[in-house]
């Protein structure tokens, strides 16, 4: 889960990205298009620029890990961490019961 709340809905993000990509031809550089659109929707230019880059990665126009793949990796890492913790608990429990069995037999 994100540490910050998402102020903008996915629809607003998608529209803002489309606006930037469409407005690029009317500006000398992408950053000016980003600044223009960011001011209109009320977000920072850096945030909007990050959305544009992420959309390009997801569409395959830019190198990087797509959002779907990153989410899958995060879920697998979480599952791996939980399984390691469960294995550690089982290992300790097994050692504890083995010691208890040895103590019981030695009496």
PDB file of N, CA and C in Angstrom:
ATOM      1  N   UNK A   1       0.836  -1.168   0.000  1.00  0.00           N
ATOM      2  CA  UNK A   1       0.000   0.000   0.000  1.00  0.00           C
ATOM      3  C   UNK A   1       0.887   1.238   0.000  1.00  0.00           C
ATOM      4  N   UNK A   2       0.452   2.256  -0.681  1.00  0.00           N
ATOM      5  CA  UNK A   2       1.201   3.501  -0.785  1.00  0.00           C
ATOM      6  C   UNK A   2       1.193   4.238   0.551  1.00  0.00           C
ATOM      7  N   UNK A   3       2.297   4.907   0.845  1.00  0.00           N
ATOM      8  CA  UNK A   3       2.386   5.669   2.083  1.00  0.00           C
ATOM      9  C   UNK A   3       1.616   6.980   1.993  1.00  0.00           C
ATOM     10  N   UNK A   4       1.391   7.455   0.788  1.00  0.00           N
ATOM     11  CA  UNK A   4       0.634   8.684   0.600  1.00  0.00           C
ATOM     12  C   UNK A   4      -0.699   8.359  -0.040  1.00  0.00           C
ATOM     13  N   UNK A   5      -1.644   9.253   0.134  1.00  0.00           N
ATOM     14  CA  UNK A   5      -2.935   9.032  -0.500  1.00  0.00           C
ATOM     15  C   UNK A   5      -2.872   9.538  -1.935  1.00  0.00           C
ATOM     16  N   UNK A   6      -3.625   8.916  -2.798  1.00  0.00           N
ATOM     17  CA  UNK A   6      -3.667   9.334  -4.194  1.00  0.00           C
ATOM     18  C   UNK A   6      -4.747  10.395  -4.346  1.00  0.00           C
ATOM     19  N   UNK A   7      -4.311  11.614  -4.541  1.00  0.00           N
ATOM     20  CA  UNK A   7      -5.229  12.742  -4.663  1.00  0.00           C
ATOM     21  C   UNK A   7      -5.978  12.705  -5.995  1.00  0.00           C
ATOM     22  N   UNK A   8      -5.355  12.108  -6.994  1.00  0.00           N
ATOM     23  CA  UNK A   8      -5.917  12.109  -8.333  1.00  0.00           C
ATOM     24  C   UNK A   8      -6.354  10.703  -8.729  1.00  0.00           C
ATOM     25  N   UNK A   9      -7.535  10.619  -9.302  1.00  0.00           N
ATOM     26  CA  UNK A   9      -8.050   9.320  -9.741  1.00  0.00           C
ATOM     27  C   UNK A   9      -7.262   8.844 -10.965  1.00  0.00           C
ATOM     28  N   UNK A  10      -7.304   7.545 -11.240  1.00  0.00           N
ATOM     29  CA  UNK A  10      -6.616   7.027 -12.429  1.00  0.00           C
ATOM     30  C   UNK A  10      -7.107   7.686 -13.722  1.00  0.00           C
ATOM     31  N   UNK A  11      -8.385   8.037 -13.764  1.00  0.00           N
ATOM     32  CA  UNK A  11      -8.926   8.677 -14.961  1.00  0.00           C
ATOM     33  C   UNK A  11      -8.289  10.051 -15.180  1.00  0.00           C
ATOM     34  N   UNK A  12      -8.128  10.812 -14.082  1.00  0.00           N
ATOM     35  CA  UNK A  12      -7.508  12.134 -14.175  1.00  0.00           C
ATOM     36  C   UNK A  12      -6.054  11.991 -14.609  1.00  0.00           C
ATOM     37  N   UNK A  13      -5.378  11.006 -14.064  1.00  0.00           N
ATOM     38  CA  UNK A  13      -3.979  10.776 -14.436  1.00  0.00           C
ATOM     39  C   UNK A  13      -3.857  10.451 -15.927  1.00  0.00           C
ATOM     40  N   UNK A  14      -4.707   9.525 -16.388  1.00  0.00           N
ATOM     41  CA  UNK A  14      -4.656   9.136 -17.803  1.00  0.00           C
ATOM     42  C   UNK A  14      -4.939  10.329 -18.714  1.00  0.00           C
ATOM     43  N   UNK A  15      -5.923  11.127 -18.343  1.00  0.00           N
ATOM     44  CA  UNK A  15      -6.258  12.306 -19.155  1.00  0.00           C
ATOM     45  C   UNK A  15      -5.106  13.299 -19.158  1.00  0.00           C
ATOM     46  N   UNK A  16      -4.479  13.515 -18.009  1.00  0.00           N
ATOM     47  CA  UNK A  16      -3.359  14.453 -17.933  1.00  0.00           C
ATOM     48  C   UNK A  16      -2.191  13.979 -18.796  1.00  0.00           C
ATOM     49  N   UNK A  17      -1.922  12.682 -18.761  1.00  0.00           N
ATOM     50  CA  UNK A  17      -0.836  12.126 -19.585  1.00  0.00           C
ATOM     51  C   UNK A  17      -1.152  12.314 -21.059  1.00  0.00           C
ATOM     52  N   UNK A  18      -2.399  12.028 -21.448  1.00  0.00           N
ATOM     53  CA  UNK A  18      -2.803  12.231 -22.848  1.00  0.00           C
ATOM     54  C   UNK A  18      -2.648  13.691 -23.255  1.00  0.00           C
ATOM     55  N   UNK A  19      -3.041  14.591 -22.369  1.00  0.00           N
ATOM     56  CA  UNK A  19      -2.922  16.018 -22.668  1.00  0.00           C
ATOM     57  C   UNK A  19      -1.457  16.413 -22.882  1.00  0.00           C
ATOM     58  N   UNK A  20      -0.577  15.894 -22.048  1.00  0.00           N
ATOM     59  CA  UNK A  20       0.856  16.204 -22.198  1.00  0.00           C
ATOM     60  C   UNK A  20       1.364  15.679 -23.531  1.00  0.00           C
ATOM     61  N   UNK A  21       1.053  14.434 -23.837  1.00  0.00           N
ATOM     62  CA  UNK A  21       1.545  13.838 -25.078  1.00  0.00           C
ATOM     63  C   UNK A  21       0.985  14.574 -26.299  1.00  0.00           C
ATOM     64  N   UNK A  22      -0.264  15.016 -26.203  1.00  0.00           N
ATOM     65  CA  UNK A  22      -0.860  15.773 -27.312  1.00  0.00           C
ATOM     66  C   UNK A  22      -0.279  17.183 -27.414  1.00  0.00           C
ATOM     67  N   UNK A  23       0.066  17.779 -26.272  1.00  0.00           N
ATOM     68  CA  UNK A  23       0.547  19.163 -26.247  1.00  0.00           C
ATOM     69  C   UNK A  23       2.040  19.289 -26.549  1.00  0.00           C
ATOM     70  N   UNK A  24       2.747  18.176 -26.591  1.00  0.00           N
ATOM     71  CA  UNK A  24       4.192  18.223 -26.852  1.00  0.00           C
ATOM     72  C   UNK A  24       4.523  18.945 -28.155  1.00  0.00           C
ATOM     73  N   UNK A  25       3.712  18.750 -29.168  1.00  0.00           N
ATOM     74  CA  UNK A  25       3.980  19.355 -30.480  1.00  0.00           C
ATOM     75  C   UNK A  25       3.841  20.879 -30.442  1.00  0.00           C
ATOM     76  N   UNK A  26       3.073  21.381 -29.483  1.00  0.00           N
ATOM     77  CA  UNK A  26       2.839  22.819 -29.397  1.00  0.00           C
ATOM     78  C   UNK A  26       3.857  23.546 -28.518  1.00  0.00           C
ATOM     79  N   UNK A  27       4.751  22.795 -27.904  1.00  0.00           N
ATOM     80  CA  UNK A  27       5.759  23.367 -27.010  1.00  0.00           C
ATOM     81  C   UNK A  27       7.145  22.962 -27.489  1.00  0.00           C
ATOM     82  N   UNK A  28       8.158  23.800 -27.192  1.00  0.00           N
ATOM     83  CA  UNK A  28       9.515  23.468 -27.638  1.00  0.00           C
ATOM     84  C   UNK A  28      10.093  22.210 -26.968  1.00  0.00           C
ATOM     85  N   UNK A  29       9.632  21.906 -25.760  1.00  0.00           N
ATOM     86  CA  UNK A  29      10.121  20.692 -25.083  1.00  0.00           C
ATOM     87  C   UNK A  29       8.995  20.103 -24.234  1.00  0.00           C
ATOM     88  N   UNK A  30       9.175  18.858 -23.864  1.00  0.00           N
ATOM     89  CA  UNK A  30       8.157  18.165 -23.081  1.00  0.00           C
ATOM     90  C   UNK A  30       7.942  18.852 -21.741  1.00  0.00           C
ATOM     91  N   UNK A  31       9.008  19.311 -21.107  1.00  0.00           N
ATOM     92  CA  UNK A  31       8.893  19.892 -19.772  1.00  0.00           C
ATOM     93  C   UNK A  31       7.938  21.089 -19.773  1.00  0.00           C
ATOM     94  N   UNK A  32       7.963  21.893 -20.820  1.00  0.00           N
ATOM     95  CA  UNK A  32       7.045  23.029 -20.887  1.00  0.00           C
ATOM     96  C   UNK A  32       5.605  22.560 -21.026  1.00  0.00           C
ATOM     97  N   UNK A  33       5.396  21.502 -21.782  1.00  0.00           N
ATOM     98  CA  UNK A  33       4.052  20.929 -21.900  1.00  0.00           C
ATOM     99  C   UNK A  33       3.597  20.392 -20.543  1.00  0.00           C
ATOM    100  N   UNK A  34       4.504  19.730 -19.840  1.00  0.00           N
ATOM    101  CA  UNK A  34       4.192  19.180 -18.515  1.00  0.00           C
ATOM    102  C   UNK A  34       3.833  20.313 -17.557  1.00  0.00           C
ATOM    103  N   UNK A  35       4.631  21.372 -17.549  1.00  0.00           N
ATOM    104  CA  UNK A  35       4.366  22.496 -16.643  1.00  0.00           C
ATOM    105  C   UNK A  35       3.021  23.142 -16.944  1.00  0.00           C
ATOM    106  N   UNK A  36       2.692  23.270 -18.203  1.00  0.00           N
ATOM    107  CA  UNK A  36       1.423  23.874 -18.609  1.00  0.00           C
ATOM    108  C   UNK A  36       0.229  23.044 -18.128  1.00  0.00           C
ATOM    109  N   UNK A  37       0.282  21.744 -18.362  1.00  0.00           N
ATOM    110  CA  UNK A  37      -0.830  20.860 -17.982  1.00  0.00           C
ATOM    111  C   UNK A  37      -0.903  20.709 -16.464  1.00  0.00           C
ATOM    112  N   UNK A  38       0.250  20.598 -15.792  1.00  0.00           N
ATOM    113  CA  UNK A  38       0.272  20.440 -14.331  1.00  0.00           C
ATOM    114  C   UNK A  38      -0.411  21.621 -13.653  1.00  0.00           C
ATOM    115  N   UNK A  39      -0.162  22.815 -14.144  1.00  0.00           N
ATOM    116  CA  UNK A  39      -0.792  24.002 -13.567  1.00  0.00           C
ATOM    117  C   UNK A  39      -2.314  23.939 -13.720  1.00  0.00           C
ATOM    118  N   UNK A  40      -2.775  23.373 -14.817  1.00  0.00           N
ATOM    119  CA  UNK A  40      -4.219  23.302 -15.076  1.00  0.00           C
ATOM    120  C   UNK A  40      -4.922  22.275 -14.192  1.00  0.00           C
ATOM    121  N   UNK A  41      -4.243  21.158 -13.895  1.00  0.00           N
ATOM    122  CA  UNK A  41      -4.923  20.120 -13.097  1.00  0.00           C
ATOM    123  C   UNK A  41      -4.596  20.209 -11.614  1.00  0.00           C
ATOM    124  N   UNK A  42      -3.620  21.025 -11.251  1.00  0.00           N
ATOM    125  CA  UNK A  42      -3.328  21.236  -9.831  1.00  0.00           C
ATOM    126  C   UNK A  42      -2.358  20.250  -9.214  1.00  0.00           C
ATOM    127  N   UNK A  43      -1.441  19.717  -9.992  1.00  0.00           N
ATOM    128  CA  UNK A  43      -0.404  18.849  -9.435  1.00  0.00           C
ATOM    129  C   UNK A  43       0.953  19.466  -9.749  1.00  0.00           C
ATOM    130  N   UNK A  44       1.989  18.913  -9.146  1.00  0.00           N
ATOM    131  CA  UNK A  44       3.323  19.439  -9.430  1.00  0.00           C
ATOM    132  C   UNK A  44       3.788  18.925 -10.785  1.00  0.00           C
ATOM    133  N   UNK A  45       4.621  19.708 -11.463  1.00  0.00           N
ATOM    134  CA  UNK A  45       5.136  19.244 -12.755  1.00  0.00           C
ATOM    135  C   UNK A  45       5.909  17.927 -12.647  1.00  0.00           C
ATOM    136  N   UNK A  46       6.662  17.760 -11.565  1.00  0.00           N
ATOM    137  CA  UNK A  46       7.436  16.516 -11.404  1.00  0.00           C
ATOM    138  C   UNK A  46       6.518  15.305 -11.299  1.00  0.00           C
ATOM    139  N   UNK A  47       5.422  15.462 -10.575  1.00  0.00           N
ATOM    140  CA  UNK A  47       4.455  14.364 -10.448  1.00  0.00           C
ATOM    141  C   UNK A  47       3.887  13.992 -11.812  1.00  0.00           C
ATOM    142  N   UNK A  48       3.473  14.993 -12.551  1.00  0.00           N
ATOM    143  CA  UNK A  48       2.917  14.734 -13.879  1.00  0.00           C
ATOM    144  C   UNK A  48       3.961  14.123 -14.802  1.00  0.00           C
ATOM    145  N   UNK A  49       5.186  14.607 -14.726  1.00  0.00           N
ATOM    146  CA  UNK A  49       6.260  14.038 -15.538  1.00  0.00           C
ATOM    147  C   UNK A  49       6.478  12.562 -15.193  1.00  0.00           C
ATOM    148  N   UNK A  50       6.397  12.235 -13.902  1.00  0.00           N
ATOM    149  CA  UNK A  50       6.523  10.835 -13.476  1.00  0.00           C
ATOM    150  C   UNK A  50       5.383   9.989 -14.048  1.00  0.00           C
ATOM    151  N   UNK A  51       4.170  10.538 -14.072  1.00  0.00           N
ATOM    152  CA  UNK A  51       3.032   9.818 -14.647  1.00  0.00           C
ATOM    153  C   UNK A  51       3.260   9.547 -16.127  1.00  0.00           C
ATOM    154  N   UNK A  52       3.787  10.538 -16.830  1.00  0.00           N
ATOM    155  CA  UNK A  52       4.038  10.391 -18.269  1.00  0.00           C
ATOM    156  C   UNK A  52       5.087   9.305 -18.504  1.00  0.00           C
ATOM    157  N   UNK A  53       6.172   9.345 -17.733  1.00  0.00           N
ATOM    158  CA  UNK A  53       7.222   8.328 -17.883  1.00  0.00           C
ATOM    159  C   UNK A  53       6.670   6.934 -17.597  1.00  0.00           C
ATOM    160  N   UNK A  54       5.866   6.811 -16.546  1.00  0.00           N
ATOM    161  CA  UNK A  54       5.290   5.520 -16.179  1.00  0.00           C
ATOM    162  C   UNK A  54       4.368   5.011 -17.294  1.00  0.00           C
ATOM    163  N   UNK A  55       3.583   5.906 -17.879  1.00  0.00           N
ATOM    164  CA  UNK A  55       2.690   5.519 -18.979  1.00  0.00           C
ATOM    165  C   UNK A  55       3.507   5.050 -20.180  1.00  0.00           C
ATOM    166  N   UNK A  56       4.633   5.698 -20.433  1.00  0.00           N
ATOM    167  CA  UNK A  56       5.492   5.286 -21.551  1.00  0.00           C
ATOM    168  C   UNK A  56       6.112   3.914 -21.292  1.00  0.00           C
ATOM    169  N   UNK A  57       6.507   3.665 -20.059  1.00  0.00           N
ATOM    170  CA  UNK A  57       7.062   2.342 -19.717  1.00  0.00           C
ATOM    171  C   UNK A  57       5.986   1.278 -19.880  1.00  0.00           C
ATOM    172  N   UNK A  58       4.783   1.563 -19.363  1.00  0.00           N
ATOM    173  CA  UNK A  58       3.684   0.594 -19.448  1.00  0.00           C
ATOM    174  C   UNK A  58       3.285   0.304 -20.892  1.00  0.00           C
ATOM    175  N   UNK A  59       3.410   1.293 -21.767  1.00  0.00           N
ATOM    176  CA  UNK A  59       3.035   1.093 -23.164  1.00  0.00           C
ATOM    177  C   UNK A  59       4.179   0.518 -24.001  1.00  0.00           C
ATOM    178  N   UNK A  60       5.380   0.429 -23.421  1.00  0.00           N
ATOM    179  CA  UNK A  60       6.517  -0.140 -24.140  1.00  0.00           C
ATOM    180  C   UNK A  60       7.327   0.867 -24.927  1.00  0.00           C
ATOM    181  N   UNK A  61       6.993   2.143 -24.831  1.00  0.00           N
ATOM    182  CA  UNK A  61       7.744   3.166 -25.564  1.00  0.00           C
ATOM    183  C   UNK A  61       9.006   3.600 -24.831  1.00  0.00           C
ATOM    184  N   UNK A  62       9.154   3.193 -23.572  1.00  0.00           N
ATOM    185  CA  UNK A  62      10.322   3.555 -22.775  1.00  0.00           C
ATOM    186  C   UNK A  62      10.770   2.302 -22.028  1.00  0.00           C
ATOM    187  N   UNK A  63      12.070   2.164 -21.867  1.00  0.00           N
ATOM    188  CA  UNK A  63      12.598   1.008 -21.143  1.00  0.00           C
ATOM    189  C   UNK A  63      12.252   1.125 -19.660  1.00  0.00           C
ATOM    190  N   UNK A  64      12.015  -0.011 -19.039  1.00  0.00           N
ATOM    191  CA  UNK A  64      11.712  -0.036 -17.612  1.00  0.00           C
ATOM    192  C   UNK A  64      10.800  -1.201 -17.279  1.00  0.00           C
ATOM    193  N   UNK A  65      10.489  -1.328 -16.009  1.00  0.00           N
ATOM    194  CA  UNK A  65       9.626  -2.409 -15.544  1.00  0.00           C
ATOM    195  C   UNK A  65       8.186  -1.903 -15.528  1.00  0.00           C
ATOM    196  N   UNK A  66       7.302  -2.536 -16.298  1.00  0.00           N
ATOM    197  CA  UNK A  66       5.893  -2.112 -16.328  1.00  0.00           C
ATOM    198  C   UNK A  66       5.241  -2.242 -14.946  1.00  0.00           C
ATOM    199  N   UNK A  67       4.233  -1.447 -14.711  1.00  0.00           N
ATOM    200  CA  UNK A  67       3.538  -1.411 -13.420  1.00  0.00           C
ATOM    201  C   UNK A  67       3.028  -2.788 -13.020  1.00  0.00           C
ATOM    202  N   UNK A  68       2.436  -3.505 -13.958  1.00  0.00           N
ATOM    203  CA  UNK A  68       1.888  -4.830 -13.664  1.00  0.00           C
ATOM    204  C   UNK A  68       2.986  -5.780 -13.166  1.00  0.00           C
ATOM    205  N   UNK A  69       4.148  -5.723 -13.821  1.00  0.00           N
ATOM    206  CA  UNK A  69       5.268  -6.573 -13.424  1.00  0.00           C
ATOM    207  C   UNK A  69       5.805  -6.158 -12.047  1.00  0.00           C
ATOM    208  N   UNK A  70       5.908  -4.859 -11.813  1.00  0.00           N
ATOM    209  CA  UNK A  70       6.395  -4.367 -10.520  1.00  0.00           C
ATOM    210  C   UNK A  70       5.452  -4.779  -9.393  1.00  0.00           C
ATOM    211  N   UNK A  71       4.139  -4.693  -9.633  1.00  0.00           N
ATOM    212  CA  UNK A  71       3.161  -5.109  -8.629  1.00  0.00           C
ATOM    213  C   UNK A  71       3.267  -6.603  -8.351  1.00  0.00           C
ATOM    214  N   UNK A  72       3.461  -7.384  -9.403  1.00  0.00           N
ATOM    215  CA  UNK A  72       3.598  -8.843  -9.246  1.00  0.00           C
ATOM    216  C   UNK A  72       4.853  -9.182  -8.447  1.00  0.00           C
ATOM    217  N   UNK A  73       5.950  -8.494  -8.765  1.00  0.00           N
ATOM    218  CA  UNK A  73       7.205  -8.731  -8.032  1.00  0.00           C
ATOM    219  C   UNK A  73       7.046  -8.369  -6.556  1.00  0.00           C
ATOM    220  N   UNK A  74       6.369  -7.276  -6.284  1.00  0.00           N
ATOM    221  CA  UNK A  74       6.158  -6.845  -4.903  1.00  0.00           C
ATOM    222  C   UNK A  74       5.336  -7.888  -4.140  1.00  0.00           C
ATOM    223  N   UNK A  75       4.298  -8.419  -4.788  1.00  0.00           N
ATOM    224  CA  UNK A  75       3.467  -9.442  -4.153  1.00  0.00           C
ATOM    225  C   UNK A  75       4.263 -10.720  -3.896  1.00  0.00           C
ATOM    226  N   UNK A  76       5.094 -11.110  -4.849  1.00  0.00           N
ATOM    227  CA  UNK A  76       5.911 -12.313  -4.673  1.00  0.00           C
ATOM    228  C   UNK A  76       6.958 -12.116  -3.574  1.00  0.00           C
ATOM    229  N   UNK A  77       7.534 -10.938  -3.494  1.00  0.00           N
ATOM    230  CA  UNK A  77       8.504 -10.655  -2.426  1.00  0.00           C
ATOM    231  C   UNK A  77       7.839 -10.711  -1.057  1.00  0.00           C
ATOM    232  N   UNK A  78       6.617 -10.178  -0.972  1.00  0.00           N
ATOM    233  CA  UNK A  78       5.867 -10.227   0.288  1.00  0.00           C
ATOM    234  C   UNK A  78       5.567 -11.673   0.671  1.00  0.00           C
ATOM    235  N   UNK A  79       5.118 -12.474  -0.306  1.00  0.00           N
ATOM    236  CA  UNK A  79       4.816 -13.877  -0.052  1.00  0.00           C
ATOM    237  C   UNK A  79       6.077 -14.627   0.377  1.00  0.00           C
ATOM    238  N   UNK A  80       7.194 -14.346  -0.286  1.00  0.00           N
ATOM    239  CA  UNK A  80       8.463 -14.981   0.048  1.00  0.00           C
ATOM    240  C   UNK A  80       8.860 -14.656   1.491  1.00  0.00           C
ATOM    241  N   UNK A  81       8.717 -13.380   1.872  1.00  0.00           N
ATOM    242  CA  UNK A  81       9.051 -12.948   3.239  1.00  0.00           C
ATOM    243  C   UNK A  81       8.181 -13.679   4.268  1.00  0.00           C
ATOM    244  N   UNK A  82       6.867 -13.788   3.971  1.00  0.00           N
ATOM    245  CA  UNK A  82       5.958 -14.484   4.886  1.00  0.00           C
ATOM    246  C   UNK A  82       6.304 -15.960   5.001  1.00  0.00           C
ATOM    247  N   UNK A  83       6.663 -16.598   3.894  1.00  0.00           N
ATOM    248  CA  UNK A  83       7.031 -18.015   3.923  1.00  0.00           C
ATOM    249  C   UNK A  83       8.331 -18.234   4.697  1.00  0.00           C
ATOM    250  N   UNK A  84       9.281 -17.327   4.536  1.00  0.00           N
ATOM    251  CA  UNK A  84      10.528 -17.433   5.314  1.00  0.00           C
ATOM    252  C   UNK A  84      10.244 -17.325   6.811  1.00  0.00           C
ATOM    253  N   UNK A  85       9.346 -16.397   7.184  1.00  0.00           N
ATOM    254  CA  UNK A  85       8.991 -16.255   8.597  1.00  0.00           C
ATOM    255  C   UNK A  85       8.306 -17.515   9.114  1.00  0.00           C
ATOM    256  N   UNK A  86       7.401 -18.077   8.317  1.00  0.00           N
ATOM    257  CA  UNK A  86       6.709 -19.304   8.723  1.00  0.00           C
ATOM    258  C   UNK A  86       7.697 -20.455   8.863  1.00  0.00           C
ATOM    259  N   UNK A  87       8.644 -20.561   7.929  1.00  0.00           N
ATOM    260  CA  UNK A  87       9.655 -21.620   8.024  1.00  0.00           C
ATOM    261  C   UNK A  87      10.517 -21.454   9.270  1.00  0.00           C
ATOM    262  N   UNK A  88      10.862 -20.226   9.601  1.00  0.00           N
ATOM    263  CA  UNK A  88      11.673 -19.974  10.800  1.00  0.00           C
ATOM    264  C   UNK A  88      10.905 -20.374  12.064  1.00  0.00           C
ATOM    265  N   UNK A  89       9.623 -20.052  12.105  1.00  0.00           N
ATOM    266  CA  UNK A  89       8.793 -20.438  13.260  1.00  0.00           C
ATOM    267  C   UNK A  89       8.715 -21.958  13.364  1.00  0.00           C
ATOM    268  N   UNK A  90       8.493 -22.625  12.242  1.00  0.00           N
ATOM    269  CA  UNK A  90       8.411 -24.092  12.251  1.00  0.00           C
ATOM    270  C   UNK A  90       9.736 -24.731  12.644  1.00  0.00           C
ATOM    271  N   UNK A  91      10.853 -24.160  12.180  1.00  0.00           N
ATOM    272  CA  UNK A  91      12.168 -24.688  12.540  1.00  0.00           C
ATOM    273  C   UNK A  91      12.390 -24.588  14.052  1.00  0.00           C
ATOM    274  N   UNK A  92      12.040 -23.435  14.625  1.00  0.00           N
ATOM    275  CA  UNK A  92      12.212 -23.251  16.071  1.00  0.00           C
ATOM    276  C   UNK A  92      11.282 -24.157  16.862  1.00  0.00           C
ATOM    277  N   UNK A  93      10.049 -24.307  16.387  1.00  0.00           N
ATOM    278  CA  UNK A  93       9.099 -25.185  17.074  1.00  0.00           C
ATOM    279  C   UNK A  93       9.573 -26.632  17.018  1.00  0.00           C
ATOM    280  N   UNK A  94      10.092 -27.037  15.870  1.00  0.00           N
ATOM    281  CA  UNK A  94      10.602 -28.394  15.725  1.00  0.00           C
ATOM    282  C   UNK A  94      11.765 -28.643  16.682  1.00  0.00           C
ATOM    283  N   UNK A  95      12.678 -27.695  16.780  1.00  0.00           N
ATOM    284  CA  UNK A  95      13.814 -27.835  17.699  1.00  0.00           C
ATOM    285  C   UNK A  95      13.332 -27.889  19.145  1.00  0.00           C
ATOM    286  N   UNK A  96      12.353 -27.071  19.486  1.00  0.00           N
ATOM    287  CA  UNK A  96      11.812 -27.050  20.845  1.00  0.00           C
ATOM    288  C   UNK A  96      11.191 -28.395  21.201  1.00  0.00           C
ATOM    289  N   UNK A  97      10.364 -28.936  20.295  1.00  0.00           N
ATOM    290  CA  UNK A  97       9.704 -30.208  20.584  1.00  0.00           C
ATOM    291  C   UNK A  97      10.701 -31.363  20.570  1.00  0.00           C
ATOM    292  N   UNK A  98      11.730 -31.278  19.751  1.00  0.00           N
ATOM    293  CA  UNK A  98      12.767 -32.318  19.757  1.00  0.00           C
ATOM    294  C   UNK A  98      13.491 -32.314  21.096  1.00  0.00           C
ATOM    295  N   UNK A  99      13.799 -31.141  21.620  1.00  0.00           N
ATOM    296  CA  UNK A  99      14.462 -31.042  22.927  1.00  0.00           C
ATOM    297  C   UNK A  99      13.532 -31.556  24.036  1.00  0.00           C
ATOM    298  N   UNK A 100      12.246 -31.224  23.938  1.00  0.00           N
ATOM    299  CA  UNK A 100      11.289 -31.691  24.943  1.00  0.00           C
ATOM    300  C   UNK A 100      11.186 -33.214  24.904  1.00  0.00           C
ATOM    301  N   UNK A 101      11.229 -33.794  23.731  1.00  0.00           N
ATOM    302  CA  UNK A 101      11.170 -35.258  23.601  1.00  0.00           C
ATOM    303  C   UNK A 101      12.424 -35.894  24.202  1.00  0.00           C
ATOM    304  N   UNK A 102      13.588 -35.299  23.947  1.00  0.00           N
ATOM    305  CA  UNK A 102      14.839 -35.812  24.531  1.00  0.00           C
ATOM    306  C   UNK A 102      14.808 -35.720  26.041  1.00  0.00           C
ATOM    307  N   UNK A 103      14.294 -34.624  26.584  1.00  0.00           N
ATOM    308  CA  UNK A 103      14.199 -34.465  28.028  1.00  0.00           C
ATOM    309  C   UNK A 103      13.253 -35.501  28.631  1.00  0.00           C
ATOM    310  N   UNK A 104      12.156 -35.768  27.945  1.00  0.00           N
ATOM    311  CA  UNK A 104      11.167 -36.719  28.420  1.00  0.00           C
ATOM    312  C   UNK A 104      11.779 -38.126  28.452  1.00  0.00           C
ATOM    313  N   UNK A 105      12.565 -38.463  27.428  1.00  0.00           N
ATOM    314  CA  UNK A 105      13.161 -39.801  27.350  1.00  0.00           C
ATOM    315  C   UNK A 105      14.262 -39.994  28.373  1.00  0.00           C
ATOM    316  N   UNK A 106      14.963 -38.928  28.707  1.00  0.00           N
ATOM    317  CA  UNK A 106      16.089 -39.062  29.637  1.00  0.00           C
ATOM    318  C   UNK A 106      15.634 -39.187  31.087  1.00  0.00           C
ATOM    319  N   UNK A 107      14.377 -38.951  31.380  1.00  0.00           N
ATOM    320  CA  UNK A 107      13.877 -39.034  32.758  1.00  0.00           C
ATOM    321  C   UNK A 107      13.432 -40.404  33.109  1.00  0.00           C
TER     322      UNK A 107
END
